[in-house]
Amino acid sequence: MKNLEQNNIPDYTPASEDVIDMHGEIENKERFQEFLNNVGKAKKDSIRVVKYTEEGDPMLHDLEYDGEVIKSTTDTRRDKFGQGSIISTTCTTIEVVETTERTDYILEGCEDTIDNTVLVTWK
């Protein structure tokens, strides 16, 4: 795990293909679904999921699938009230857990204990 000074962090500029989670409002949900489909077909793909804090700070979660495992990298350095770290691990799959109120997308088979929730969509 690597910690960097808050001052040396480049500004985050959203890309058109980023999956954005703005307090439960999801943009580019179809791109996320495409990533899930590619993982299911063992086809290489990568996406960035950006969750915004209540204060509006972006937290970046990069997922890179190489056809076998998912490399997960979470960058919380832009969260002014958080730990400000970059955490990486490798996971085997993403599980979809549906309830009556929401659908959770959770990384499974990870090498390290992390916050495994990638995305939550509310019904």
C-alpha atoms as a PDB file:
ATOM      1  CA  MET A   1       0.000   0.000   0.000  1.00  0.00           C
ATOM      2  CA  LYS A   2       1.332   3.425  -0.917  1.00  0.00           C
ATOM      3  CA  ASN A   3       0.366   6.748   0.666  1.00  0.00           C
ATOM      4  CA  LEU A   4       1.088  10.029  -1.071  1.00  0.00           C
ATOM      5  CA  GLU A   5       0.776  13.627   0.022  1.00  0.00           C
ATOM      6  CA  GLN A   6      -2.625  15.116  -0.804  1.00  0.00           C
ATOM      7  CA  ASN A   7      -0.895  17.994  -2.678  1.00  0.00           C
ATOM      8  CA  ASN A   8       0.787  15.743  -5.261  1.00  0.00           C
ATOM      9  CA  ILE A   9      -2.418  14.146  -6.476  1.00  0.00           C
ATOM     10  CA  PRO A  10      -3.449  14.915 -10.044  1.00  0.00           C
ATOM     11  CA  ASP A  11      -6.951  16.278 -10.498  1.00  0.00           C
ATOM     12  CA  TYR A  12      -9.472  13.690 -11.614  1.00  0.00           C
ATOM     13  CA  THR A  13     -11.003  14.446 -14.997  1.00  0.00           C
ATOM     14  CA  PRO A  14     -13.982  12.207 -15.812  1.00  0.00           C
ATOM     15  CA  ALA A  15     -13.716  10.185 -19.012  1.00  0.00           C
ATOM     16  CA  SER A  16     -16.811   9.509 -21.100  1.00  0.00           C
ATOM     17  CA  GLU A  17     -16.560   5.755 -20.447  1.00  0.00           C
ATOM     18  CA  ASP A  18     -16.196   6.002 -16.639  1.00  0.00           C
ATOM     19  CA  VAL A  19     -18.992   4.451 -14.580  1.00  0.00           C
ATOM     20  CA  ILE A  20     -20.079   7.208 -12.187  1.00  0.00           C
ATOM     21  CA  ASP A  21     -21.830   6.596  -8.849  1.00  0.00           C
ATOM     22  CA  MET A  22     -23.104   9.956  -7.607  1.00  0.00           C
ATOM     23  CA  HIS A  23     -24.836   9.025  -4.329  1.00  0.00           C
ATOM     24  CA  GLY A  24     -26.701   6.110  -5.908  1.00  0.00           C
ATOM     25  CA  GLU A  25     -27.368   7.762  -9.281  1.00  0.00           C
ATOM     26  CA  ILE A  26     -25.396   5.633 -11.753  1.00  0.00           C
ATOM     27  CA  GLU A  27     -24.115   6.911 -15.106  1.00  0.00           C
ATOM     28  CA  ASN A  28     -22.842   4.481 -17.777  1.00  0.00           C
ATOM     29  CA  LYS A  29     -24.497   1.475 -16.130  1.00  0.00           C
ATOM     30  CA  GLU A  30     -24.514  -0.228 -19.543  1.00  0.00           C
ATOM     31  CA  ARG A  31     -20.693   0.029 -19.694  1.00  0.00           C
ATOM     32  CA  PHE A  32     -20.501  -1.712 -16.312  1.00  0.00           C
ATOM     33  CA  GLN A  33     -22.835  -4.448 -17.590  1.00  0.00           C
ATOM     34  CA  GLU A  34     -20.602  -4.848 -20.656  1.00  0.00           C
ATOM     35  CA  PHE A  35     -17.604  -5.356 -18.341  1.00  0.00           C
ATOM     36  CA  LEU A  36     -19.528  -8.024 -16.386  1.00  0.00           C
ATOM     37  CA  ASN A  37     -20.462  -9.771 -19.632  1.00  0.00           C
ATOM     38  CA  ASN A  38     -16.824  -9.729 -20.772  1.00  0.00           C
ATOM     39  CA  VAL A  39     -15.686 -11.228 -17.455  1.00  0.00           C
ATOM     40  CA  GLY A  40     -18.324 -13.943 -17.925  1.00  0.00           C
ATOM     41  CA  LYS A  41     -16.915 -14.683 -21.395  1.00  0.00           C
ATOM     42  CA  ALA A  42     -13.253 -14.598 -20.219  1.00  0.00           C
ATOM     43  CA  LYS A  43     -12.670 -11.579 -22.506  1.00  0.00           C
ATOM     44  CA  LYS A  44     -10.094  -8.975 -21.417  1.00  0.00           C
ATOM     45  CA  ASP A  45     -11.566  -5.623 -20.371  1.00  0.00           C
ATOM     46  CA  SER A  46     -11.042  -2.751 -17.943  1.00  0.00           C
ATOM     47  CA  ILE A  47     -13.250  -0.076 -16.440  1.00  0.00           C
ATOM     48  CA  ARG A  48     -13.132   2.719 -13.909  1.00  0.00           C
ATOM     49  CA  VAL A  49     -15.906   3.110 -11.339  1.00  0.00           C
ATOM     50  CA  VAL A  50     -15.950   6.538  -9.685  1.00  0.00           C
ATOM     51  CA  LYS A  51     -17.870   6.943  -6.427  1.00  0.00           C
ATOM     52  CA  TYR A  52     -18.393  10.434  -5.085  1.00  0.00           C
ATOM     53  CA  THR A  53     -18.406  11.159  -1.358  1.00  0.00           C
ATOM     54  CA  GLU A  54     -21.119  13.292   0.241  1.00  0.00           C
ATOM     55  CA  GLU A  55     -18.651  16.203  -0.011  1.00  0.00           C
ATOM     56  CA  GLY A  56     -18.195  15.611  -3.754  1.00  0.00           C
ATOM     57  CA  ASP A  57     -14.728  14.036  -3.667  1.00  0.00           C
ATOM     58  CA  PRO A  58     -14.099  11.332  -6.311  1.00  0.00           C
ATOM     59  CA  MET A  59     -12.860   7.903  -5.208  1.00  0.00           C
ATOM     60  CA  LEU A  60     -11.513   5.890  -8.137  1.00  0.00           C
ATOM     61  CA  HIS A  61     -11.878   2.121  -8.470  1.00  0.00           C
ATOM     62  CA  ASP A  62     -10.089   0.625 -11.469  1.00  0.00           C
ATOM     63  CA  LEU A  63     -10.928  -2.934 -12.495  1.00  0.00           C
ATOM     64  CA  GLU A  64      -8.705  -4.682 -15.021  1.00  0.00           C
ATOM     65  CA  TYR A  65      -9.670  -8.163 -16.183  1.00  0.00           C
ATOM     66  CA  ASP A  66      -6.958 -10.145 -17.979  1.00  0.00           C
ATOM     67  CA  GLY A  67      -9.122 -13.107 -18.976  1.00  0.00           C
ATOM     68  CA  GLU A  68      -8.473 -14.954 -15.700  1.00  0.00           C
ATOM     69  CA  VAL A  69      -8.403 -12.573 -12.712  1.00  0.00           C
ATOM     70  CA  ILE A  70      -9.569  -9.062 -11.894  1.00  0.00           C
ATOM     71  CA  LYS A  71      -6.965  -6.591 -10.650  1.00  0.00           C
ATOM     72  CA  SER A  72      -8.745  -4.138  -8.365  1.00  0.00           C
ATOM     73  CA  THR A  73      -7.113  -0.783  -7.559  1.00  0.00           C
ATOM     74  CA  THR A  74      -8.895   1.678  -5.275  1.00  0.00           C
ATOM     75  CA  ASP A  75      -7.567   5.248  -5.083  1.00  0.00           C
ATOM     76  CA  THR A  76      -9.051   7.293  -2.221  1.00  0.00           C
ATOM     77  CA  ARG A  77      -6.384  10.017  -2.212  1.00  0.00           C
ATOM     78  CA  ARG A  78      -8.865  12.678  -3.343  1.00  0.00           C
ATOM     79  CA  ASP A  79     -11.200  12.020  -0.380  1.00  0.00           C
ATOM     80  CA  LYS A  80     -10.382  14.933   1.920  1.00  0.00           C
ATOM     81  CA  PHE A  81     -11.921  13.132   4.906  1.00  0.00           C
ATOM     82  CA  GLY A  82     -10.575   9.624   4.173  1.00  0.00           C
ATOM     83  CA  GLN A  83      -7.316   7.734   4.567  1.00  0.00           C
ATOM     84  CA  GLY A  84      -5.951   8.845   1.209  1.00  0.00           C
ATOM     85  CA  SER A  85      -4.436   5.631  -0.076  1.00  0.00           C
ATOM     86  CA  ILE A  86      -4.078   3.395  -3.112  1.00  0.00           C
ATOM     87  CA  ILE A  87      -4.977  -0.237  -2.430  1.00  0.00           C
ATOM     88  CA  SER A  88      -4.587  -3.028  -4.982  1.00  0.00           C
ATOM     89  CA  THR A  89      -5.595  -6.671  -4.864  1.00  0.00           C
ATOM     90  CA  THR A  90      -6.454  -9.485  -7.237  1.00  0.00           C
ATOM     91  CA  CYS A  91      -9.874 -11.169  -7.264  1.00  0.00           C
ATOM     92  CA  THR A  92     -11.334 -14.078  -9.203  1.00  0.00           C
ATOM     93  CA  THR A  93     -14.833 -12.828 -10.057  1.00  0.00           C
ATOM     94  CA  ILE A  94     -17.677 -10.385  -9.421  1.00  0.00           C
ATOM     95  CA  GLU A  95     -20.790 -11.768  -7.733  1.00  0.00           C
ATOM     96  CA  VAL A  96     -24.185 -10.198  -8.349  1.00  0.00           C
ATOM     97  CA  VAL A  97     -26.331 -10.206  -5.189  1.00  0.00           C
ATOM     98  CA  GLU A  98     -29.947  -9.164  -5.741  1.00  0.00           C
ATOM     99  CA  THR A  99     -32.421  -8.239  -3.014  1.00  0.00           C
ATOM    100  CA  THR A 100     -35.850  -6.659  -3.289  1.00  0.00           C
ATOM    101  CA  GLU A 101     -34.398  -3.159  -2.785  1.00  0.00           C
ATOM    102  CA  ARG A 102     -31.014  -3.249  -4.504  1.00  0.00           C
ATOM    103  CA  THR A 103     -28.376  -5.131  -6.486  1.00  0.00           C
ATOM    104  CA  ASP A 104     -24.831  -5.355  -5.121  1.00  0.00           C
ATOM    105  CA  TYR A 105     -21.817  -6.125  -7.303  1.00  0.00           C
ATOM    106  CA  ILE A 106     -19.157  -7.649  -5.061  1.00  0.00           C
ATOM    107  CA  LEU A 107     -15.607  -8.782  -5.816  1.00  0.00           C
ATOM    108  CA  GLU A 108     -15.028 -12.387  -4.714  1.00  0.00           C
ATOM    109  CA  GLY A 109     -11.956 -14.569  -4.267  1.00  0.00           C
ATOM    110  CA  CYS A 110      -9.714 -11.629  -3.392  1.00  0.00           C
ATOM    111  CA  GLU A 111      -6.143 -12.032  -2.140  1.00  0.00           C
ATOM    112  CA  ASP A 112      -6.546  -9.294   0.468  1.00  0.00           C
ATOM    113  CA  THR A 113      -9.406  -8.174   2.668  1.00  0.00           C
ATOM    114  CA  ILE A 114     -10.800  -5.017   1.115  1.00  0.00           C
ATOM    115  CA  ASP A 115     -14.117  -3.248   0.721  1.00  0.00           C
ATOM    116  CA  ASN A 116     -15.290  -5.661  -1.962  1.00  0.00           C
ATOM    117  CA  THR A 117     -18.403  -3.768  -3.048  1.00  0.00           C
ATOM    118  CA  VAL A 118     -17.845  -2.355  -6.524  1.00  0.00           C
ATOM    119  CA  LEU A 119     -21.293  -0.887  -7.160  1.00  0.00           C
ATOM    120  CA  VAL A 120     -24.783  -0.815  -5.652  1.00  0.00           C
ATOM    121  CA  THR A 121     -27.840  -0.092  -7.767  1.00  0.00           C
ATOM    122  CA  TRP A 122     -31.169   0.693  -6.135  1.00  0.00           C
ATOM    123  CA  LYS A 123     -34.444  -0.566  -7.567  1.00  0.00           C
END
